[in-house]
N, C-alpha and C. Protein backbone atom coordinates (compact mmCIF):
# COMPACT_ATOMS: atom_id res chain seq x y z
N MET A 1 15.33 12.98 18.52
CA MET A 1 14.85 11.83 18.19
C MET A 1 13.67 11.95 16.61
N THR A 2 13.59 11.24 15.74
CA THR A 2 12.75 11.64 14.78
C THR A 2 11.42 10.50 15.19
N ASP A 3 10.36 11.33 14.93
CA ASP A 3 9.05 10.57 15.23
C ASP A 3 8.94 9.91 14.20
N VAL A 4 8.48 8.49 14.56
CA VAL A 4 7.95 7.26 13.35
C VAL A 4 6.60 7.45 12.95
N ILE A 5 6.57 7.67 11.66
CA ILE A 5 5.29 7.56 10.98
C ILE A 5 4.46 6.24 10.54
N HIS A 6 3.55 6.07 11.42
CA HIS A 6 2.70 4.96 11.14
C HIS A 6 1.88 5.02 10.07
N VAL A 7 2.06 4.21 9.31
CA VAL A 7 1.28 4.01 7.97
C VAL A 7 0.51 2.86 7.62
N ALA A 8 -0.90 2.84 7.41
CA ALA A 8 -1.68 1.89 7.22
C ALA A 8 -1.42 1.48 5.55
N VAL A 9 -0.93 0.30 5.30
CA VAL A 9 -0.85 -0.31 3.71
C VAL A 9 -1.62 -1.24 3.38
N GLY A 10 -2.48 -1.57 2.24
CA GLY A 10 -3.22 -2.25 1.55
C GLY A 10 -2.49 -2.90 0.64
N VAL A 11 -2.64 -4.24 0.43
CA VAL A 11 -2.25 -5.03 -0.58
C VAL A 11 -3.54 -5.80 -1.11
N LEU A 12 -4.21 -5.00 -2.42
CA LEU A 12 -5.09 -5.59 -3.02
C LEU A 12 -4.49 -6.52 -4.04
N ILE A 13 -5.35 -7.45 -4.50
CA ILE A 13 -4.97 -8.60 -5.26
C ILE A 13 -6.41 -8.91 -5.94
N ASP A 14 -6.67 -8.75 -7.26
CA ASP A 14 -7.82 -9.05 -8.24
C ASP A 14 -7.81 -10.49 -8.69
N ASP A 15 -8.87 -10.75 -9.31
CA ASP A 15 -9.28 -12.11 -9.58
C ASP A 15 -8.24 -12.71 -10.55
N ALA A 16 -7.48 -11.85 -11.36
CA ALA A 16 -6.27 -12.38 -12.10
C ALA A 16 -4.97 -12.55 -11.70
N HIS A 17 -5.07 -12.26 -10.12
CA HIS A 17 -4.11 -12.68 -9.45
C HIS A 17 -2.79 -11.50 -9.53
N CYS A 18 -3.37 -10.21 -9.87
CA CYS A 18 -2.59 -9.18 -10.09
C CYS A 18 -2.34 -7.90 -8.79
N VAL A 19 -1.66 -7.49 -8.56
CA VAL A 19 -1.77 -6.49 -7.27
C VAL A 19 -1.72 -5.05 -7.62
N LEU A 20 -2.43 -4.37 -6.92
CA LEU A 20 -2.62 -3.06 -7.08
C LEU A 20 -1.24 -2.21 -6.70
N LEU A 21 -0.67 -1.33 -7.69
CA LEU A 21 0.19 -0.28 -7.02
C LEU A 21 -0.43 1.07 -7.26
N ALA A 22 -0.07 1.99 -6.80
CA ALA A 22 -0.26 3.59 -7.12
C ALA A 22 1.11 4.15 -7.15
N ARG A 23 1.12 5.24 -7.80
CA ARG A 23 2.41 6.17 -8.25
C ARG A 23 2.10 7.19 -7.13
N ARG A 24 3.31 7.44 -6.52
CA ARG A 24 3.35 8.67 -5.47
C ARG A 24 3.13 10.03 -6.30
N GLN A 25 2.49 11.20 -6.03
CA GLN A 25 2.00 12.42 -6.62
C GLN A 25 3.28 13.09 -6.66
N LYS A 26 3.45 14.14 -7.72
CA LYS A 26 4.33 15.14 -7.71
C LYS A 26 4.41 16.03 -6.38
N GLY A 27 5.57 16.52 -5.97
CA GLY A 27 5.73 17.23 -4.74
C GLY A 27 5.47 16.29 -3.63
N THR A 28 5.38 14.87 -3.36
CA THR A 28 5.19 14.37 -2.19
C THR A 28 6.89 13.54 -1.92
N HIS A 29 7.13 13.16 -1.05
CA HIS A 29 8.25 12.40 -0.73
C HIS A 29 8.36 11.32 -1.54
N LEU A 30 9.37 10.95 -2.06
CA LEU A 30 9.69 9.79 -3.10
C LEU A 30 8.87 9.89 -4.37
N GLU A 31 8.30 11.14 -4.92
CA GLU A 31 7.53 11.46 -6.09
C GLU A 31 7.66 10.41 -7.00
N GLY A 32 6.85 9.96 -7.87
CA GLY A 32 7.29 9.11 -9.11
C GLY A 32 7.45 7.86 -8.77
N PHE A 33 7.84 7.08 -7.47
CA PHE A 33 7.97 5.91 -6.92
C PHE A 33 6.40 5.20 -7.15
N TRP A 34 6.37 3.57 -7.34
CA TRP A 34 5.11 3.07 -6.96
C TRP A 34 5.15 2.45 -5.58
N GLU A 35 4.04 2.45 -5.16
CA GLU A 35 3.87 1.84 -3.82
C GLU A 35 2.63 0.94 -3.58
N PHE A 36 2.59 0.35 -2.65
CA PHE A 36 1.13 -0.37 -2.33
C PHE A 36 0.28 0.99 -1.58
N PRO A 37 -1.09 1.07 -1.80
CA PRO A 37 -1.63 2.06 -1.39
C PRO A 37 -2.05 2.29 0.11
N GLY A 38 -2.43 3.39 0.50
CA GLY A 38 -2.34 3.40 2.08
C GLY A 38 -2.02 4.95 2.63
N GLY A 39 -1.98 5.04 3.81
CA GLY A 39 -1.47 6.35 4.27
C GLY A 39 -1.47 6.29 5.88
N LYS A 40 -1.12 7.81 6.38
CA LYS A 40 -0.87 7.72 7.76
C LYS A 40 -2.22 7.48 8.69
N VAL A 41 -1.64 6.69 9.81
CA VAL A 41 -2.72 6.58 10.71
C VAL A 41 -2.50 7.54 11.60
N GLU A 42 -3.82 8.26 11.89
CA GLU A 42 -4.11 9.44 12.68
C GLU A 42 -4.31 9.10 14.01
N SER A 43 -3.97 9.92 14.81
CA SER A 43 -4.40 9.74 16.41
C SER A 43 -5.52 9.24 16.83
N GLY A 44 -5.60 8.35 17.60
CA GLY A 44 -6.93 7.76 17.71
C GLY A 44 -7.79 6.66 17.00
N GLU A 45 -6.65 6.43 15.83
CA GLU A 45 -7.34 5.39 14.88
C GLU A 45 -6.66 4.25 14.99
N THR A 46 -7.44 3.08 14.87
CA THR A 46 -6.72 1.76 14.58
C THR A 46 -6.09 1.87 12.99
N VAL A 47 -5.22 0.96 13.00
CA VAL A 47 -4.88 0.45 11.71
C VAL A 47 -5.85 0.26 10.74
N GLU A 48 -6.85 -0.79 11.21
CA GLU A 48 -7.96 -0.98 10.36
C GLU A 48 -8.81 0.17 9.92
N VAL A 49 -8.98 0.94 10.63
CA VAL A 49 -9.76 2.28 10.37
C VAL A 49 -9.14 3.05 9.33
N ALA A 50 -7.76 3.44 9.73
CA ALA A 50 -6.92 4.14 9.19
C ALA A 50 -6.84 3.53 7.56
N LEU A 51 -6.66 2.32 7.27
CA LEU A 51 -6.79 1.78 5.98
C LEU A 51 -8.00 1.75 5.11
N VAL A 52 -9.27 1.61 5.94
CA VAL A 52 -10.46 1.76 5.39
C VAL A 52 -10.68 3.16 4.92
N ARG A 53 -10.04 4.12 5.80
CA ARG A 53 -10.32 5.74 5.41
C ARG A 53 -9.43 6.07 4.15
N GLU A 54 -8.09 5.49 4.23
CA GLU A 54 -7.39 5.74 3.16
C GLU A 54 -7.54 5.52 2.00
N LEU A 55 -8.15 3.88 1.92
CA LEU A 55 -8.52 3.34 0.53
C LEU A 55 -9.62 3.74 -0.07
N ARG A 56 -10.65 4.29 0.98
CA ARG A 56 -11.54 5.25 0.42
C ARG A 56 -11.32 6.60 -0.42
N GLU A 57 -10.55 7.50 0.36
CA GLU A 57 -9.92 8.42 -0.34
C GLU A 57 -9.25 8.34 -1.42
N GLU A 58 -8.05 7.42 -1.49
CA GLU A 58 -7.31 7.05 -2.54
C GLU A 58 -7.63 6.44 -3.56
N LEU A 59 -8.75 5.32 -3.42
CA LEU A 59 -8.92 4.56 -4.37
C LEU A 59 -10.57 4.53 -4.84
N GLY A 60 -11.29 5.16 -3.81
CA GLY A 60 -12.69 5.08 -4.25
C GLY A 60 -13.43 3.91 -3.65
N VAL A 61 -12.79 2.77 -2.81
CA VAL A 61 -13.32 1.70 -2.57
C VAL A 61 -13.78 1.49 -1.06
N GLU A 62 -14.78 0.81 -0.76
CA GLU A 62 -14.89 0.43 0.67
C GLU A 62 -14.52 -0.88 0.80
N VAL A 63 -13.54 -0.95 1.85
CA VAL A 63 -13.06 -2.30 2.26
C VAL A 63 -13.96 -2.96 3.26
N SER A 64 -14.14 -4.18 3.17
CA SER A 64 -14.73 -4.94 4.16
C SER A 64 -14.35 -5.92 4.84
N GLU A 65 -13.08 -6.59 4.50
CA GLU A 65 -12.12 -7.09 5.10
C GLU A 65 -10.92 -7.22 4.87
N THR A 66 -10.13 -7.32 5.83
CA THR A 66 -8.45 -7.27 5.92
C THR A 66 -8.02 -8.40 6.94
N SER A 67 -6.61 -8.61 6.55
CA SER A 67 -5.87 -9.59 7.42
C SER A 67 -4.44 -9.02 7.25
N PRO A 68 -3.98 -9.11 8.54
CA PRO A 68 -2.38 -8.41 8.86
C PRO A 68 -1.78 -9.27 7.89
N LEU A 69 -0.55 -8.51 7.36
CA LEU A 69 0.37 -9.37 6.59
C LEU A 69 1.76 -9.35 7.11
N MET A 70 2.15 -8.13 7.37
CA MET A 70 3.39 -7.91 8.03
C MET A 70 3.41 -6.43 8.31
N THR A 71 4.47 -6.40 9.24
CA THR A 71 5.25 -4.76 9.49
C THR A 71 6.54 -4.48 8.97
N VAL A 72 6.50 -3.49 8.65
CA VAL A 72 8.02 -3.03 7.98
C VAL A 72 8.37 -1.70 8.63
N ASN A 73 9.86 -1.81 9.51
CA ASN A 73 10.43 -0.56 10.08
C ASN A 73 11.49 -0.22 9.04
N HIS A 74 11.32 1.00 8.54
CA HIS A 74 12.50 1.74 7.82
C HIS A 74 12.82 3.19 8.08
N ASP A 75 13.90 3.26 7.84
CA ASP A 75 14.64 4.74 8.13
C ASP A 75 15.19 5.02 6.93
N TYR A 76 14.61 6.22 6.64
CA TYR A 76 14.90 7.11 5.33
C TYR A 76 15.63 8.08 5.73
N GLY A 77 16.40 8.37 6.90
CA GLY A 77 17.36 9.06 7.55
C GLY A 77 16.60 10.51 7.73
N GLU A 78 15.90 11.17 6.79
CA GLU A 78 14.84 12.37 7.01
C GLU A 78 13.70 11.88 7.78
N LYS A 79 13.08 10.89 7.55
CA LYS A 79 11.90 10.11 8.31
C LYS A 79 12.14 8.92 8.55
N GLN A 80 11.04 8.27 9.49
CA GLN A 80 11.28 6.79 9.84
C GLN A 80 9.76 6.59 9.83
N VAL A 81 9.69 5.23 9.19
CA VAL A 81 8.17 4.72 8.79
C VAL A 81 8.11 3.41 9.62
N LEU A 82 6.91 3.29 9.90
CA LEU A 82 6.59 1.92 10.42
C LEU A 82 5.38 1.64 9.36
N LEU A 83 5.38 0.35 8.57
CA LEU A 83 4.59 0.42 7.79
C LEU A 83 3.63 -1.06 8.14
N ASP A 84 2.28 -0.76 8.42
CA ASP A 84 1.57 -1.74 8.84
C ASP A 84 0.82 -2.46 7.78
N VAL A 85 1.19 -3.53 7.23
CA VAL A 85 0.71 -4.02 5.89
C VAL A 85 -0.51 -4.97 6.11
N HIS A 86 -1.46 -4.76 5.46
CA HIS A 86 -2.57 -5.87 5.31
C HIS A 86 -3.14 -6.28 4.17
N ARG A 87 -3.29 -7.34 3.83
CA ARG A 87 -4.03 -7.97 2.79
C ARG A 87 -5.38 -7.41 2.72
N VAL A 88 -5.79 -6.90 1.61
CA VAL A 88 -7.47 -6.44 1.75
C VAL A 88 -8.04 -7.74 0.80
N LEU A 89 -8.82 -8.31 1.82
CA LEU A 89 -9.34 -9.57 1.23
C LEU A 89 -10.83 -9.09 0.44
N SER A 90 -11.53 -8.21 1.00
CA SER A 90 -12.56 -8.01 0.09
C SER A 90 -12.93 -6.59 0.00
N TRP A 91 -13.56 -5.90 -1.03
CA TRP A 91 -13.70 -4.51 -0.93
C TRP A 91 -14.97 -4.54 -1.95
N THR A 92 -15.80 -3.35 -2.02
CA THR A 92 -16.49 -2.91 -2.97
C THR A 92 -15.91 -1.87 -3.58
N GLY A 93 -16.68 -1.66 -5.12
CA GLY A 93 -16.19 -0.50 -5.86
C GLY A 93 -15.00 -0.81 -6.88
N GLU A 94 -14.77 -0.30 -7.84
CA GLU A 94 -13.80 -0.25 -8.90
C GLU A 94 -12.63 0.64 -8.24
N PRO A 95 -11.31 -0.08 -7.85
CA PRO A 95 -10.33 0.87 -7.72
C PRO A 95 -9.77 2.01 -8.80
N HIS A 96 -9.73 3.18 -8.35
CA HIS A 96 -9.42 4.26 -9.32
C HIS A 96 -8.36 5.35 -8.84
N GLY A 97 -7.64 6.01 -9.29
CA GLY A 97 -6.78 6.79 -8.75
C GLY A 97 -7.79 8.07 -8.11
N ALA A 98 -8.25 8.18 -6.90
CA ALA A 98 -9.66 8.99 -6.65
C ALA A 98 -8.72 10.64 -6.53
N GLU A 99 -7.22 10.60 -6.27
CA GLU A 99 -6.69 11.61 -6.14
C GLU A 99 -5.90 12.07 -7.21
N GLY A 100 -6.06 11.59 -8.36
CA GLY A 100 -5.46 11.72 -9.60
C GLY A 100 -4.15 11.00 -9.89
N GLN A 101 -3.90 10.25 -9.15
CA GLN A 101 -2.68 9.58 -9.08
C GLN A 101 -2.81 8.06 -10.16
N PRO A 102 -1.77 7.94 -10.77
CA PRO A 102 -1.94 6.63 -11.52
C PRO A 102 -1.91 5.32 -10.97
N ILE A 103 -2.57 4.38 -11.19
CA ILE A 103 -2.41 3.04 -10.57
C ILE A 103 -2.32 1.95 -11.68
N ALA A 104 -2.01 0.86 -11.17
CA ALA A 104 -1.75 -0.12 -11.99
C ALA A 104 -1.89 -1.46 -11.27
N TRP A 105 -2.67 -2.41 -12.31
CA TRP A 105 -2.87 -3.99 -11.45
C TRP A 105 -1.65 -4.70 -12.16
N VAL A 106 -0.82 -5.25 -11.30
CA VAL A 106 0.42 -6.02 -11.92
C VAL A 106 0.94 -7.40 -11.52
N SER A 107 1.35 -7.99 -12.48
CA SER A 107 1.47 -9.26 -12.11
C SER A 107 2.86 -9.77 -11.56
N ALA A 108 2.90 -10.68 -10.67
CA ALA A 108 3.98 -11.00 -10.24
C ALA A 108 5.23 -10.92 -10.82
N SER A 109 4.95 -11.55 -12.34
CA SER A 109 6.16 -11.40 -13.15
C SER A 109 6.92 -10.09 -13.40
N ALA A 110 6.00 -8.88 -13.39
CA ALA A 110 5.90 -7.67 -13.63
C ALA A 110 6.46 -6.64 -12.67
N LEU A 111 6.33 -7.26 -11.48
CA LEU A 111 6.65 -6.31 -10.21
C LEU A 111 7.65 -5.72 -10.20
N ASP A 112 8.74 -6.39 -10.65
CA ASP A 112 10.37 -5.98 -10.56
C ASP A 112 10.48 -4.84 -11.69
N ASP A 113 9.60 -4.58 -12.45
CA ASP A 113 9.53 -3.39 -13.55
C ASP A 113 8.96 -1.96 -12.65
N PHE A 114 8.48 -2.19 -11.62
CA PHE A 114 8.28 -0.86 -10.98
C PHE A 114 9.28 -0.41 -9.68
N LYS A 115 9.50 0.90 -9.96
CA LYS A 115 10.50 1.28 -8.70
C LYS A 115 9.82 1.67 -7.70
N VAL A 116 10.07 1.01 -6.69
CA VAL A 116 9.37 1.20 -5.55
C VAL A 116 10.29 1.70 -4.33
N PRO A 117 9.60 2.56 -3.38
CA PRO A 117 10.64 2.73 -2.35
C PRO A 117 11.26 1.93 -1.35
N ASP A 118 12.35 2.14 -0.71
CA ASP A 118 13.14 1.08 -0.20
C ASP A 118 12.04 0.15 0.95
N ALA A 119 11.37 1.12 1.40
CA ALA A 119 10.48 0.46 2.62
C ALA A 119 9.50 -0.57 2.10
N ASN A 120 9.40 -0.37 0.66
CA ASN A 120 8.29 -1.42 0.12
C ASN A 120 8.90 -2.71 -0.33
N ALA A 121 10.41 -2.50 -0.46
CA ALA A 121 11.04 -3.87 -0.93
C ALA A 121 10.78 -5.14 -0.30
N GLU A 122 10.74 -4.85 0.94
CA GLU A 122 10.13 -6.35 1.72
C GLU A 122 8.74 -6.78 1.38
N ILE A 123 8.03 -5.70 1.35
CA ILE A 123 6.85 -5.94 0.99
C ILE A 123 6.49 -6.63 -0.47
N MET A 124 7.39 -6.22 -1.39
CA MET A 124 7.32 -6.72 -2.87
C MET A 124 7.95 -8.26 -2.48
N VAL A 125 8.55 -8.60 -1.73
CA VAL A 125 9.04 -10.08 -1.58
C VAL A 125 8.08 -10.71 -1.12
N ARG A 126 7.38 -10.18 0.02
CA ARG A 126 6.17 -10.89 0.21
C ARG A 126 5.00 -11.19 -0.33
N VAL A 127 4.76 -10.12 -1.24
CA VAL A 127 3.51 -10.26 -2.10
C VAL A 127 3.87 -11.21 -3.06
N LYS A 128 5.21 -11.46 -3.66
CA LYS A 128 5.49 -12.42 -4.36
C LYS A 128 5.14 -13.74 -4.06
N LEU A 129 5.35 -13.96 -2.90
CA LEU A 129 5.02 -15.39 -2.26
C LEU A 129 3.56 -15.41 -2.29
N VAL A 130 2.74 -14.42 -1.88
CA VAL A 130 1.38 -14.68 -1.73
C VAL A 130 0.96 -14.76 -3.23
N LEU A 131 1.26 -14.00 -4.06
CA LEU A 131 0.77 -14.30 -5.55
C LEU A 131 1.11 -15.83 -6.06
N ALA A 132 1.97 -16.17 -5.80
CA ALA A 132 2.37 -17.55 -6.10
C ALA A 132 1.53 -18.68 -5.33
N SER A 133 1.08 -18.17 -4.26
CA SER A 133 0.16 -18.99 -3.41
C SER A 133 -1.31 -18.95 -3.98
N VAL A 134 -1.86 -18.10 -4.49
CA VAL A 134 -3.20 -17.82 -5.00
C VAL A 134 -3.48 -18.69 -6.37
């Protein structure tokens, strides 16, 4: 049986109602695809603690408030993931690609222009609904 990789995922929406996407680095699984930022939940961590740590490492921001949005189970064949998705309601600092990865603030109308991993497709649908309501 394949171990399931538990991932904390953050959905950041700015004042212009755009959502933050980050591009997967060269040499990583699904390199070149765009995704919502986040990373693996380490042993002993809660999803919230993992999300704060990952967004600090990846984007250089300090998360102060999140709200659960959804969970997604996806089987890539070679690996299975459980995406624990939270909307990041408040943060301090200006998000940037702290690990050298490109990032983009994307409007709802432009989201379909970004190639995302299959596991992120359900998140994209939900984020479009969120963006339509803000």
